[in-house]
Structure formats: C-alpha cells, structure tokens
Amino acid sequence: MLLATLPITFMAIVGLVYAWAWTDKEMRAVKVCGRSETIALLSVFAVTMQVLLLVVMFSFGIGRIERGAIELVSGFELLFFLLALPCALMRKGPVRWWLTLASIYFMALGGFVYLVSGVEF
C-alpha cells in the first residue's frame, strides 16, 4: 500500500512546496494586507505541520509507538487539519486547491496510519 501512495504523496508535497513559493511571492508583494498575510502563513504552516506529524509517526515505527503517543499525534493532526482547511479555502488562485487537497490527503493518510497502528477506539 505504501508504494501505491507514493505518487500521490509526491504530488501533495509538490503542492505544498508550490504553496510555500507562492506565499513567499505574495509576502514580498506590496498588495498583501495583514489579514491576508496571516491567513496565507497559517494555511501553509498548518499543512506543513500535518506533513511533519506524519513523518514523526512513520519514523518512529508504527508498531513501537505507545497508544498515548499515537492518540496525541492524531489529535494534533486533526487540529492542524481543522485549522488548515478554512484558511486554505480563503486563499485565492491555484494555491487554494493545492493546499486544500494536500491537507485532505495528509489527514486521510494520518487516519490510515492511525488504523494500522492497532490503537483501539
């Protein structure tokens, strides 16, 4: 299953890199106001944190993490998803869809990791 998700994961990470580049370009432009700047940075930061939490879950090995750590990481991932989704949808242009789809994908992947880890509900 991991090899089947690699192309989609690669595209989601490319979308995140594109969002970082677009956000940097927006920040350097004079036309960005305070609220738009905050939303832009918050959306990119939240999706980046989702990626880092998945890396933490995979790097420590799913079977070796104790139940409390998995639940904590999954809770933070849900928090960053709920933060990223509205902020990403408030953005303009193609970066809106890249961030939204990447956030949904990383949330779904985190959910699958949570299910595979054997943590009982």
PDB file of N, CA and C in Angstrom:
ATOM      1  N   MET A   1       0.817  -1.191   0.000  1.00  0.00           N
ATOM      2  CA  MET A   1       0.000   0.000   0.000  1.00  0.00           C
ATOM      3  C   MET A   1       0.864   1.259   0.000  1.00  0.00           C
ATOM      4  N   LEU A   2       2.010   1.183   0.657  1.00  0.00           N
ATOM      5  CA  LEU A   2       2.873   2.353   0.735  1.00  0.00           C
ATOM      6  C   LEU A   2       3.362   2.773  -0.640  1.00  0.00           C
ATOM      7  N   LEU A   3       3.732   1.798  -1.477  1.00  0.00           N
ATOM      8  CA  LEU A   3       4.206   2.145  -2.808  1.00  0.00           C
ATOM      9  C   LEU A   3       3.094   2.718  -3.677  1.00  0.00           C
ATOM     10  N   ALA A   4       1.866   2.312  -3.429  1.00  0.00           N
ATOM     11  CA  ALA A   4       0.749   2.842  -4.208  1.00  0.00           C
ATOM     12  C   ALA A   4       0.473   4.300  -3.875  1.00  0.00           C
ATOM     13  N   THR A   5       0.781   4.728  -2.681  1.00  0.00           N
ATOM     14  CA  THR A   5       0.501   6.115  -2.287  1.00  0.00           C
ATOM     15  C   THR A   5       1.668   7.062  -2.569  1.00  0.00           C
ATOM     16  N   LEU A   6       2.806   6.540  -2.989  1.00  0.00           N
ATOM     17  CA  LEU A   6       3.968   7.408  -3.212  1.00  0.00           C
ATOM     18  C   LEU A   6       3.737   8.484  -4.273  1.00  0.00           C
ATOM     19  N   PRO A   7       3.147   8.175  -5.435  1.00  0.00           N
ATOM     20  CA  PRO A   7       2.933   9.268  -6.404  1.00  0.00           C
ATOM     21  C   PRO A   7       1.992  10.358  -5.884  1.00  0.00           C
ATOM     22  N   ILE A   8       0.955   9.962  -5.168  1.00  0.00           N
ATOM     23  CA  ILE A   8       0.022  10.952  -4.626  1.00  0.00           C
ATOM     24  C   ILE A   8       0.702  11.769  -3.531  1.00  0.00           C
ATOM     25  N   THR A   9       1.495  11.100  -2.705  1.00  0.00           N
ATOM     26  CA  THR A   9       2.234  11.807  -1.657  1.00  0.00           C
ATOM     27  C   THR A   9       3.220  12.789  -2.264  1.00  0.00           C
ATOM     28  N   PHE A  10       3.889  12.368  -3.333  1.00  0.00           N
ATOM     29  CA  PHE A  10       4.831  13.246  -4.017  1.00  0.00           C
ATOM     30  C   PHE A  10       4.116  14.480  -4.566  1.00  0.00           C
ATOM     31  N   MET A  11       2.950  14.282  -5.171  1.00  0.00           N
ATOM     32  CA  MET A  11       2.208  15.425  -5.717  1.00  0.00           C
ATOM     33  C   MET A  11       1.719  16.352  -4.604  1.00  0.00           C
ATOM     34  N   ALA A  12       1.321  15.792  -3.466  1.00  0.00           N
ATOM     35  CA  ALA A  12       0.885  16.631  -2.350  1.00  0.00           C
ATOM     36  C   ALA A  12       2.050  17.456  -1.807  1.00  0.00           C
ATOM     37  N   ILE A  13       3.230  16.858  -1.757  1.00  0.00           N
ATOM     38  CA  ILE A  13       4.404  17.597  -1.280  1.00  0.00           C
ATOM     39  C   ILE A  13       4.817  18.656  -2.295  1.00  0.00           C
ATOM     40  N   VAL A  14       4.706  18.337  -3.594  1.00  0.00           N
ATOM     41  CA  VAL A  14       4.972  19.344  -4.632  1.00  0.00           C
ATOM     42  C   VAL A  14       3.987  20.509  -4.484  1.00  0.00           C
ATOM     43  N   GLY A  15       2.727  20.198  -4.214  1.00  0.00           N
ATOM     44  CA  GLY A  15       1.742  21.248  -3.992  1.00  0.00           C
ATOM     45  C   GLY A  15       2.074  22.106  -2.788  1.00  0.00           C
ATOM     46  N   LEU A  16       2.599  21.481  -1.748  1.00  0.00           N
ATOM     47  CA  LEU A  16       2.985  22.240  -0.554  1.00  0.00           C
ATOM     48  C   LEU A  16       4.181  23.146  -0.842  1.00  0.00           C
ATOM     49  N   VAL A  17       5.148  22.646  -1.590  1.00  0.00           N
ATOM     50  CA  VAL A  17       6.300  23.470  -1.971  1.00  0.00           C
ATOM     51  C   VAL A  17       5.842  24.638  -2.854  1.00  0.00           C
ATOM     52  N   TYR A  18       4.921  24.350  -3.770  1.00  0.00           N
ATOM     53  CA  TYR A  18       4.357  25.407  -4.606  1.00  0.00           C
ATOM     54  C   TYR A  18       3.652  26.455  -3.745  1.00  0.00           C
ATOM     55  N   ALA A  19       2.924  26.014  -2.727  1.00  0.00           N
ATOM     56  CA  ALA A  19       2.228  26.945  -1.840  1.00  0.00           C
ATOM     57  C   ALA A  19       3.216  27.800  -1.061  1.00  0.00           C
ATOM     58  N   TRP A  20       4.317  27.204  -0.602  1.00  0.00           N
ATOM     59  CA  TRP A  20       5.334  27.988   0.100  1.00  0.00           C
ATOM     60  C   TRP A  20       5.930  29.039  -0.834  1.00  0.00           C
ATOM     61  N   ALA A  21       6.218  28.652  -2.092  1.00  0.00           N
ATOM     62  CA  ALA A  21       6.793  29.601  -3.049  1.00  0.00           C
ATOM     63  C   ALA A  21       5.801  30.715  -3.373  1.00  0.00           C
ATOM     64  N   TRP A  22       4.541  30.351  -3.563  1.00  0.00           N
ATOM     65  CA  TRP A  22       3.513  31.350  -3.864  1.00  0.00           C
ATOM     66  C   TRP A  22       3.307  32.291  -2.680  1.00  0.00           C
ATOM     67  N   THR A  23       3.323  31.741  -1.466  1.00  0.00           N
ATOM     68  CA  THR A  23       3.155  32.568  -0.271  1.00  0.00           C
ATOM     69  C   THR A  23       4.320  33.535  -0.115  1.00  0.00           C
ATOM     70  N   ASP A  24       5.524  33.059  -0.397  1.00  0.00           N
ATOM     71  CA  ASP A  24       6.690  33.935  -0.338  1.00  0.00           C
ATOM     72  C   ASP A  24       6.562  35.067  -1.354  1.00  0.00           C
ATOM     73  N   LYS A  25       6.079  34.718  -2.538  1.00  0.00           N
ATOM     74  CA  LYS A  25       5.876  35.733  -3.569  1.00  0.00           C
ATOM     75  C   LYS A  25       4.814  36.747  -3.134  1.00  0.00           C
ATOM     76  N   GLU A  26       3.741  36.267  -2.496  1.00  0.00           N
ATOM     77  CA  GLU A  26       2.697  37.170  -2.002  1.00  0.00           C
ATOM     78  C   GLU A  26       3.219  38.081  -0.890  1.00  0.00           C
ATOM     79  N   MET A  27       4.056  37.533  -0.016  1.00  0.00           N
ATOM     80  CA  MET A  27       4.566  38.327   1.108  1.00  0.00           C
ATOM     81  C   MET A  27       5.485  39.443   0.625  1.00  0.00           C
ATOM     82  N   ARG A  28       6.182  39.186  -0.465  1.00  0.00           N
ATOM     83  CA  ARG A  28       7.083  40.218  -0.992  1.00  0.00           C
ATOM     84  C   ARG A  28       6.325  41.298  -1.759  1.00  0.00           C
ATOM     85  N   ALA A  29       5.115  40.990  -2.188  1.00  0.00           N
ATOM     86  CA  ALA A  29       4.302  41.972  -2.910  1.00  0.00           C
ATOM     87  C   ALA A  29       3.730  42.989  -1.919  1.00  0.00           C
ATOM     88  N   VAL A  30       3.501  44.151  -2.388  1.00  0.00           N
ATOM     89  CA  VAL A  30       3.004  45.229  -1.537  1.00  0.00           C
ATOM     90  C   VAL A  30       1.500  45.097  -1.303  1.00  0.00           C
ATOM     91  N   LYS A  31       0.794  44.370  -2.163  1.00  0.00           N
ATOM     92  CA  LYS A  31      -0.666  44.338  -2.119  1.00  0.00           C
ATOM     93  C   LYS A  31      -1.263  43.464  -1.022  1.00  0.00           C
ATOM     94  N   VAL A  32      -0.453  42.769  -0.242  1.00  0.00           N
ATOM     95  CA  VAL A  32      -0.978  41.870   0.791  1.00  0.00           C
ATOM     96  C   VAL A  32      -1.188  42.643   2.082  1.00  0.00           C
ATOM     97  N   CYS A  33      -2.409  42.560   2.621  1.00  0.00           N
ATOM     98  CA  CYS A  33      -2.703  43.247   3.882  1.00  0.00           C
ATOM     99  C   CYS A  33      -2.463  42.293   5.055  1.00  0.00           C
ATOM    100  N   GLY A  34      -2.646  42.761   6.259  1.00  0.00           N
ATOM    101  CA  GLY A  34      -2.345  41.976   7.453  1.00  0.00           C
ATOM    102  C   GLY A  34      -3.161  40.710   7.591  1.00  0.00           C
ATOM    103  N   ARG A  35      -4.476  40.801   7.330  1.00  0.00           N
ATOM    104  CA  ARG A  35      -5.337  39.630   7.473  1.00  0.00           C
ATOM    105  C   ARG A  35      -5.017  38.568   6.426  1.00  0.00           C
ATOM    106  N   SER A  36      -4.819  38.992   5.194  1.00  0.00           N
ATOM    107  CA  SER A  36      -4.482  38.042   4.128  1.00  0.00           C
ATOM    108  C   SER A  36      -3.125  37.393   4.380  1.00  0.00           C
ATOM    109  N   GLU A  37      -2.208  38.161   4.895  1.00  0.00           N
ATOM    110  CA  GLU A  37      -0.881  37.639   5.200  1.00  0.00           C
ATOM    111  C   GLU A  37      -0.951  36.580   6.300  1.00  0.00           C
ATOM    112  N   THR A  38      -1.746  36.845   7.325  1.00  0.00           N
ATOM    113  CA  THR A  38      -1.898  35.888   8.416  1.00  0.00           C
ATOM    114  C   THR A  38      -2.551  34.599   7.946  1.00  0.00           C
ATOM    115  N   ILE A  39      -3.603  34.719   7.141  1.00  0.00           N
ATOM    116  CA  ILE A  39      -4.286  33.535   6.628  1.00  0.00           C
ATOM    117  C   ILE A  39      -3.364  32.729   5.735  1.00  0.00           C
ATOM    118  N   ALA A  40      -2.593  33.408   4.894  1.00  0.00           N
ATOM    119  CA  ALA A  40      -1.672  32.709   3.988  1.00  0.00           C
ATOM    120  C   ALA A  40      -0.620  31.928   4.773  1.00  0.00           C
ATOM    121  N   LEU A  41      -0.014  32.588   5.744  1.00  0.00           N
ATOM    122  CA  LEU A  41       1.019  31.906   6.526  1.00  0.00           C
ATOM    123  C   LEU A  41       0.440  30.782   7.379  1.00  0.00           C
ATOM    124  N   LEU A  42      -0.731  30.993   7.940  1.00  0.00           N
ATOM    125  CA  LEU A  42      -1.363  29.990   8.783  1.00  0.00           C
ATOM    126  C   LEU A  42      -1.744  28.739   7.993  1.00  0.00           C
ATOM    127  N   SER A  43      -2.251  28.920   6.784  1.00  0.00           N
ATOM    128  CA  SER A  43      -2.639  27.760   5.979  1.00  0.00           C
ATOM    129  C   SER A  43      -1.429  26.919   5.581  1.00  0.00           C
ATOM    130  N   VAL A  44      -0.376  27.565   5.151  1.00  0.00           N
ATOM    131  CA  VAL A  44       0.826  26.828   4.745  1.00  0.00           C
ATOM    132  C   VAL A  44       1.487  26.177   5.956  1.00  0.00           C
ATOM    133  N   PHE A  45       1.522  26.875   7.070  1.00  0.00           N
ATOM    134  CA  PHE A  45       2.112  26.318   8.291  1.00  0.00           C
ATOM    135  C   PHE A  45       1.346  25.092   8.768  1.00  0.00           C
ATOM    136  N   ALA A  46       0.015  25.148   8.746  1.00  0.00           N
ATOM    137  CA  ALA A  46      -0.789  24.029   9.240  1.00  0.00           C
ATOM    138  C   ALA A  46      -0.614  22.785   8.381  1.00  0.00           C
ATOM    139  N   VAL A  47      -0.570  22.947   7.064  1.00  0.00           N
ATOM    140  CA  VAL A  47      -0.366  21.787   6.189  1.00  0.00           C
ATOM    141  C   VAL A  47       1.053  21.234   6.366  1.00  0.00           C
ATOM    142  N   THR A  48       2.020  22.118   6.547  1.00  0.00           N
ATOM    143  CA  THR A  48       3.391  21.660   6.795  1.00  0.00           C
ATOM    144  C   THR A  48       3.476  20.876   8.098  1.00  0.00           C
ATOM    145  N   MET A  49       2.765  21.309   9.114  1.00  0.00           N
ATOM    146  CA  MET A  49       2.761  20.567  10.374  1.00  0.00           C
ATOM    147  C   MET A  49       2.102  19.203  10.215  1.00  0.00           C
ATOM    148  N   GLN A  50       1.088  19.097   9.362  1.00  0.00           N
ATOM    149  CA  GLN A  50       0.492  17.796   9.087  1.00  0.00           C
ATOM    150  C   GLN A  50       1.523  16.845   8.498  1.00  0.00           C
ATOM    151  N   VAL A  51       2.328  17.343   7.571  1.00  0.00           N
ATOM    152  CA  VAL A  51       3.372  16.514   6.961  1.00  0.00           C
ATOM    153  C   VAL A  51       4.392  16.091   8.006  1.00  0.00           C
ATOM    154  N   LEU A  52       4.819  17.016   8.844  1.00  0.00           N
ATOM    155  CA  LEU A  52       5.819  16.689   9.864  1.00  0.00           C
ATOM    156  C   LEU A  52       5.290  15.674  10.875  1.00  0.00           C
ATOM    157  N   LEU A  53       4.011  15.764  11.222  1.00  0.00           N
ATOM    158  CA  LEU A  53       3.438  14.780  12.143  1.00  0.00           C
ATOM    159  C   LEU A  53       3.394  13.396  11.508  1.00  0.00           C
ATOM    160  N   LEU A  54       3.114  13.322  10.215  1.00  0.00           N
ATOM    161  CA  LEU A  54       3.155  12.017   9.532  1.00  0.00           C
ATOM    162  C   LEU A  54       4.576  11.459   9.502  1.00  0.00           C
ATOM    163  N   VAL A  55       5.537  12.325   9.279  1.00  0.00           N
ATOM    164  CA  VAL A  55       6.939  11.878   9.282  1.00  0.00           C
ATOM    165  C   VAL A  55       7.314  11.339  10.652  1.00  0.00           C
ATOM    166  N   VAL A  56       6.854  12.002  11.705  1.00  0.00           N
ATOM    167  CA  VAL A  56       7.123  11.524  13.070  1.00  0.00           C
ATOM    168  C   VAL A  56       6.502  10.149  13.286  1.00  0.00           C
ATOM    169  N   MET A  57       5.265   9.978  12.817  1.00  0.00           N
ATOM    170  CA  MET A  57       4.596   8.690  13.002  1.00  0.00           C
ATOM    171  C   MET A  57       5.320   7.571  12.253  1.00  0.00           C
ATOM    172  N   PHE A  58       5.774   7.857  11.032  1.00  0.00           N
ATOM    173  CA  PHE A  58       6.463   6.839  10.244  1.00  0.00           C
ATOM    174  C   PHE A  58       7.886   6.597  10.732  1.00  0.00           C
ATOM    175  N   SER A  59       8.573   7.635  11.176  1.00  0.00           N
ATOM    176  CA  SER A  59       9.982   7.479  11.537  1.00  0.00           C
ATOM    177  C   SER A  59      10.180   6.692  12.827  1.00  0.00           C
ATOM    178  N   PHE A  60       9.252   6.780  13.739  1.00  0.00           N
ATOM    179  CA  PHE A  60       9.389   6.032  14.983  1.00  0.00           C
ATOM    180  C   PHE A  60       8.815   4.627  14.885  1.00  0.00           C
ATOM    181  N   GLY A  61       8.258   4.296  13.747  1.00  0.00           N
ATOM    182  CA  GLY A  61       7.722   2.953  13.574  1.00  0.00           C
ATOM    183  C   GLY A  61       6.359   2.833  14.209  1.00  0.00           C
ATOM    184  N   ILE A  62       5.412   2.409  13.418  1.00  0.00           N
ATOM    185  CA  ILE A  62       4.027   2.375  13.875  1.00  0.00           C
ATOM    186  C   ILE A  62       3.845   1.393  15.022  1.00  0.00           C
ATOM    187  N   GLY A  63       4.511   0.260  14.964  1.00  0.00           N
ATOM    188  CA  GLY A  63       4.300  -0.757  15.978  1.00  0.00           C
ATOM    189  C   GLY A  63       4.925  -0.431  17.321  1.00  0.00           C
ATOM    190  N   ARG A  64       5.941   0.433  17.323  1.00  0.00           N
ATOM    191  CA  ARG A  64       6.669   0.691  18.565  1.00  0.00           C
ATOM    192  C   ARG A  64       6.141   1.886  19.346  1.00  0.00           C
ATOM    193  N   ILE A  65       5.297   2.683  18.735  1.00  0.00           N
ATOM    194  CA  ILE A  65       4.781   3.856  19.437  1.00  0.00           C
ATOM    195  C   ILE A  65       3.696   3.411  20.404  1.00  0.00           C
ATOM    196  N   GLU A  66       3.726   3.934  21.572  1.00  0.00           N
ATOM    197  CA  GLU A  66       2.690   3.575  22.536  1.00  0.00           C
ATOM    198  C   GLU A  66       1.381   4.273  22.189  1.00  0.00           C
ATOM    199  N   ARG A  67       0.333   3.795  22.770  1.00  0.00           N
ATOM    200  CA  ARG A  67      -1.013   4.246  22.442  1.00  0.00           C
ATOM    201  C   ARG A  67      -1.207   5.740  22.690  1.00  0.00           C
ATOM    202  N   GLY A  68      -0.710   6.243  23.780  1.00  0.00           N
ATOM    203  CA  GLY A  68      -0.883   7.653  24.101  1.00  0.00           C
ATOM    204  C   GLY A  68      -0.214   8.572  23.090  1.00  0.00           C
ATOM    205  N   ALA A  69       0.954   8.168  22.605  1.00  0.00           N
ATOM    206  CA  ALA A  69       1.666   8.991  21.631  1.00  0.00           C
ATOM    207  C   ALA A  69       0.921   9.032  20.299  1.00  0.00           C
ATOM    208  N   ILE A  70       0.382   7.888  19.874  1.00  0.00           N
ATOM    209  CA  ILE A  70      -0.383   7.849  18.626  1.00  0.00           C
ATOM    210  C   ILE A  70      -1.620   8.732  18.738  1.00  0.00           C
ATOM    211  N   GLU A  71      -2.313   8.652  19.865  1.00  0.00           N
ATOM    212  CA  GLU A  71      -3.511   9.469  20.038  1.00  0.00           C
ATOM    213  C   GLU A  71      -3.171  10.957  20.094  1.00  0.00           C
ATOM    214  N   LEU A  72      -2.049  11.290  20.719  1.00  0.00           N
ATOM    215  CA  LEU A  72      -1.627  12.681  20.795  1.00  0.00           C
ATOM    216  C   LEU A  72      -1.290  13.226  19.406  1.00  0.00           C
ATOM    217  N   VAL A  73      -0.517  12.465  18.645  1.00  0.00           N
ATOM    218  CA  VAL A  73      -0.142  12.898  17.295  1.00  0.00           C
ATOM    219  C   VAL A  73      -1.377  12.995  16.408  1.00  0.00           C
ATOM    220  N   SER A  74      -2.297  12.034  16.520  1.00  0.00           N
ATOM    221  CA  SER A  74      -3.517  12.078  15.714  1.00  0.00           C
ATOM    222  C   SER A  74      -4.400  13.258  16.106  1.00  0.00           C
ATOM    223  N   GLY A  75      -4.433  13.584  17.370  1.00  0.00           N
ATOM    224  CA  GLY A  75      -5.195  14.745  17.820  1.00  0.00           C
ATOM    225  C   GLY A  75      -4.626  16.043  17.267  1.00  0.00           C
ATOM    226  N   PHE A  76      -3.294  16.160  17.284  1.00  0.00           N
ATOM    227  CA  PHE A  76      -2.665  17.347  16.712  1.00  0.00           C
ATOM    228  C   PHE A  76      -2.883  17.412  15.207  1.00  0.00           C
ATOM    229  N   GLU A  77      -2.861  16.261  14.563  1.00  0.00           N
ATOM    230  CA  GLU A  77      -3.096  16.255  13.126  1.00  0.00           C
ATOM    231  C   GLU A  77      -4.515  16.725  12.801  1.00  0.00           C
ATOM    232  N   LEU A  78      -5.483  16.285  13.589  1.00  0.00           N
ATOM    233  CA  LEU A  78      -6.854  16.745  13.403  1.00  0.00           C
ATOM    234  C   LEU A  78      -6.959  18.255  13.656  1.00  0.00           C
ATOM    235  N   LEU A  79      -6.267  18.738  14.673  1.00  0.00           N
ATOM    236  CA  LEU A  79      -6.267  20.168  14.966  1.00  0.00           C
ATOM    237  C   LEU A  79      -5.707  20.976  13.798  1.00  0.00           C
ATOM    238  N   PHE A  80      -4.573  20.534  13.248  1.00  0.00           N
ATOM    239  CA  PHE A  80      -3.973  21.258  12.127  1.00  0.00           C
ATOM    240  C   PHE A  80      -4.831  21.142  10.872  1.00  0.00           C
ATOM    241  N   PHE A  81      -5.528  20.018  10.702  1.00  0.00           N
ATOM    242  CA  PHE A  81      -6.445  19.880   9.567  1.00  0.00           C
ATOM    243  C   PHE A  81      -7.592  20.873   9.687  1.00  0.00           C
ATOM    244  N   LEU A  82      -8.173  20.963  10.876  1.00  0.00           N
ATOM    245  CA  LEU A  82      -9.277  21.895  11.085  1.00  0.00           C
ATOM    246  C   LEU A  82      -8.833  23.353  10.983  1.00  0.00           C
ATOM    247  N   LEU A  83      -7.574  23.604  11.214  1.00  0.00           N
ATOM    248  CA  LEU A  83      -7.022  24.943  11.061  1.00  0.00           C
ATOM    249  C   LEU A  83      -6.679  25.234   9.596  1.00  0.00           C
ATOM    250  N   ALA A  84      -6.146  24.236   8.897  1.00  0.00           N
ATOM    251  CA  ALA A  84      -5.684  24.443   7.527  1.00  0.00           C
ATOM    252  C   ALA A  84      -6.815  24.553   6.524  1.00  0.00           C
ATOM    253  N   LEU A  85      -7.861  23.778   6.708  1.00  0.00           N
ATOM    254  CA  LEU A  85      -8.918  23.723   5.700  1.00  0.00           C
ATOM    255  C   LEU A  85      -9.609  25.074   5.476  1.00  0.00           C
ATOM    256  N   PRO A  86     -10.129  25.736   6.508  1.00  0.00           N
ATOM    257  CA  PRO A  86     -10.769  27.034   6.225  1.00  0.00           C
ATOM    258  C   PRO A  86      -9.783  28.098   5.750  1.00  0.00           C
ATOM    259  N   CYS A  87      -8.566  28.067   6.289  1.00  0.00           N
ATOM    260  CA  CYS A  87      -7.575  29.055   5.854  1.00  0.00           C
ATOM    261  C   CYS A  87      -7.178  28.840   4.401  1.00  0.00           C
ATOM    262  N   ALA A  88      -7.037  27.580   3.997  1.00  0.00           N
ATOM    263  CA  ALA A  88      -6.679  27.290   2.608  1.00  0.00           C
ATOM    264  C   ALA A  88      -7.803  27.678   1.662  1.00  0.00           C
ATOM    265  N   LEU A  89      -9.035  27.460   2.070  1.00  0.00           N
ATOM    266  CA  LEU A  89     -10.163  27.804   1.215  1.00  0.00           C
ATOM    267  C   LEU A  89     -10.371  29.311   1.089  1.00  0.00           C
ATOM    268  N   MET A  90      -9.812  30.082   1.993  1.00  0.00           N
ATOM    269  CA  MET A  90      -9.929  31.544   1.918  1.00  0.00           C
ATOM    270  C   MET A  90      -8.881  32.162   0.994  1.00  0.00           C
ATOM    271  N   ARG A  91      -7.903  31.363   0.586  1.00  0.00           N
ATOM    272  CA  ARG A  91      -6.874  31.872  -0.318  1.00  0.00           C
ATOM    273  C   ARG A  91      -7.417  31.979  -1.730  1.00  0.00           C
ATOM    274  N   LYS A  92      -6.678  32.639  -2.601  1.00  0.00           N
ATOM    275  CA  LYS A  92      -7.105  32.821  -3.986  1.00  0.00           C
ATOM    276  C   LYS A  92      -6.116  32.136  -4.913  1.00  0.00           C
ATOM    277  N   GLY A  93      -6.607  31.751  -6.069  1.00  0.00           N
ATOM    278  CA  GLY A  93      -5.760  31.169  -7.090  1.00  0.00           C
ATOM    279  C   GLY A  93      -5.599  29.666  -6.926  1.00  0.00           C
ATOM    280  N   PRO A  94      -4.685  29.102  -7.691  1.00  0.00           N
ATOM    281  CA  PRO A  94      -4.490  27.642  -7.656  1.00  0.00           C
ATOM    282  C   PRO A  94      -3.906  27.133  -6.342  1.00  0.00           C
ATOM    283  N   VAL A  95      -3.275  28.014  -5.585  1.00  0.00           N
ATOM    284  CA  VAL A  95      -2.704  27.589  -4.311  1.00  0.00           C
ATOM    285  C   VAL A  95      -3.804  27.148  -3.352  1.00  0.00           C
ATOM    286  N   ARG A  96      -5.000  27.695  -3.517  1.00  0.00           N
ATOM    287  CA  ARG A  96      -6.138  27.284  -2.689  1.00  0.00           C
ATOM    288  C   ARG A  96      -6.393  25.786  -2.848  1.00  0.00           C
ATOM    289  N   TRP A  97      -6.425  25.316  -4.068  1.00  0.00           N
ATOM    290  CA  TRP A  97      -6.756  23.908  -4.309  1.00  0.00           C
ATOM    291  C   TRP A  97      -5.594  22.991  -3.964  1.00  0.00           C
ATOM    292  N   TRP A  98      -4.369  23.446  -4.199  1.00  0.00           N
ATOM    293  CA  TRP A  98      -3.210  22.633  -3.813  1.00  0.00           C
ATOM    294  C   TRP A  98      -3.198  22.403  -2.308  1.00  0.00           C
ATOM    295  N   LEU A  99      -3.395  23.458  -1.537  1.00  0.00           N
ATOM    296  CA  LEU A  99      -3.362  23.329  -0.075  1.00  0.00           C
ATOM    297  C   LEU A  99      -4.554  22.532   0.451  1.00  0.00           C
ATOM    298  N   THR A 100      -5.730  22.764  -0.116  1.00  0.00           N
ATOM    299  CA  THR A 100      -6.922  22.045   0.351  1.00  0.00           C
ATOM    300  C   THR A 100      -6.783  20.549   0.102  1.00  0.00           C
ATOM    301  N   LEU A 101      -6.410  20.182  -1.118  1.00  0.00           N
ATOM    302  CA  LEU A 101      -6.274  18.756  -1.442  1.00  0.00           C
ATOM    303  C   LEU A 101      -5.125  18.102  -0.682  1.00  0.00           C
ATOM    304  N   ALA A 102      -4.017  18.825  -0.499  1.00  0.00           N
ATOM    305  CA  ALA A 102      -2.903  18.269   0.270  1.00  0.00           C
ATOM    306  C   ALA A 102      -3.301  18.053   1.724  1.00  0.00           C
ATOM    307  N   SER A 103      -4.039  18.992   2.294  1.00  0.00           N
ATOM    308  CA  SER A 103      -4.474  18.852   3.681  1.00  0.00           C
ATOM    309  C   SER A 103      -5.426  17.671   3.848  1.00  0.00           C
ATOM    310  N   ILE A 104      -6.375  17.525   2.928  1.00  0.00           N
ATOM    311  CA  ILE A 104      -7.307  16.395   2.992  1.00  0.00           C
ATOM    312  C   ILE A 104      -6.564  15.078   2.827  1.00  0.00           C
ATOM    313  N   TYR A 105      -5.610  15.040   1.888  1.00  0.00           N
ATOM    314  CA  TYR A 105      -4.855  13.810   1.664  1.00  0.00           C
ATOM    315  C   TYR A 105      -4.030  13.437   2.892  1.00  0.00           C
ATOM    316  N   PHE A 106      -3.327  14.394   3.473  1.00  0.00           N
ATOM    317  CA  PHE A 106      -2.495  14.073   4.634  1.00  0.00           C
ATOM    318  C   PHE A 106      -3.339  13.697   5.849  1.00  0.00           C
ATOM    319  N   MET A 107      -4.528  14.256   5.954  1.00  0.00           N
ATOM    320  CA  MET A 107      -5.432  13.851   7.037  1.00  0.00           C
ATOM    321  C   MET A 107      -5.892  12.412   6.829  1.00  0.00           C
ATOM    322  N   ALA A 108      -6.236  12.065   5.585  1.00  0.00           N
ATOM    323  CA  ALA A 108      -6.656  10.692   5.291  1.00  0.00           C
ATOM    324  C   ALA A 108      -5.509   9.715   5.510  1.00  0.00           C
ATOM    325  N   LEU A 109      -4.309  10.088   5.093  1.00  0.00           N
ATOM    326  CA  LEU A 109      -3.151   9.215   5.301  1.00  0.00           C
ATOM    327  C   LEU A 109      -2.859   9.035   6.783  1.00  0.00           C
ATOM    328  N   GLY A 110      -2.990  10.097   7.550  1.00  0.00           N
ATOM    329  CA  GLY A 110      -2.823  10.000   9.002  1.00  0.00           C
ATOM    330  C   GLY A 110      -3.880   9.106   9.630  1.00  0.00           C
ATOM    331  N   GLY A 111      -5.100   9.165   9.104  1.00  0.00           N
ATOM    332  CA  GLY A 111      -6.157   8.277   9.588  1.00  0.00           C
ATOM    333  C   GLY A 111      -5.857   6.818   9.301  1.00  0.00           C
ATOM    334  N   PHE A 112      -5.309   6.537   8.128  1.00  0.00           N
ATOM    335  CA  PHE A 112      -4.932   5.161   7.806  1.00  0.00           C
ATOM    336  C   PHE A 112      -3.797   4.674   8.701  1.00  0.00           C
ATOM    337  N   VAL A 113      -2.838   5.558   8.970  1.00  0.00           N
ATOM    338  CA  VAL A 113      -1.746   5.185   9.877  1.00  0.00           C
ATOM    339  C   VAL A 113      -2.301   4.908  11.271  1.00  0.00           C
ATOM    340  N   TYR A 114      -3.260   5.698  11.690  1.00  0.00           N
ATOM    341  CA  TYR A 114      -3.903   5.502  12.991  1.00  0.00           C
ATOM    342  C   TYR A 114      -4.605   4.146  13.041  1.00  0.00           C
ATOM    343  N   LEU A 115      -5.295   3.787  11.963  1.00  0.00           N
ATOM    344  CA  LEU A 115      -6.000   2.497  11.914  1.00  0.00           C
ATOM    345  C   LEU A 115      -5.019   1.321  11.892  1.00  0.00           C
ATOM    346  N   VAL A 116      -3.946   1.467  11.129  1.00  0.00           N
ATOM    347  CA  VAL A 116      -2.968   0.384  11.004  1.00  0.00           C
ATOM    348  C   VAL A 116      -2.183   0.177  12.287  1.00  0.00           C
ATOM    349  N   SER A 117      -2.055   1.238  13.086  1.00  0.00           N
ATOM    350  CA  SER A 117      -1.239   1.141  14.299  1.00  0.00           C
ATOM    351  C   SER A 117      -1.822   0.217  15.335  1.00  0.00           C
ATOM    352  N   GLY A 118      -3.073  -0.152  15.174  1.00  0.00           N
ATOM    353  CA  GLY A 118      -3.680  -1.088  16.130  1.00  0.00           C
ATOM    354  C   GLY A 118      -4.224  -0.438  17.374  1.00  0.00           C
ATOM    355  N   VAL A 119      -4.341   0.857  17.392  1.00  0.00           N
ATOM    356  CA  VAL A 119      -4.897   1.551  18.542  1.00  0.00           C
ATOM    357  C   VAL A 119      -6.408   1.312  18.527  1.00  0.00           C
ATOM    358  N   GLU A 120      -6.922   0.874  19.649  1.00  0.00           N
ATOM    359  CA  GLU A 120      -8.352   0.598  19.721  1.00  0.00           C
ATOM    360  C   GLU A 120      -9.096   1.895  19.973  1.00  0.00           C
ATOM    361  N   PHE A 121     -10.288   1.985  19.396  1.00  0.00           N
ATOM    362  CA  PHE A 121     -11.088   3.189  19.537  1.00  0.00           C
ATOM    363  C   PHE A 121     -11.758   3.239  20.874  1.00  0.00           C
TER     364      PHE A 121
END
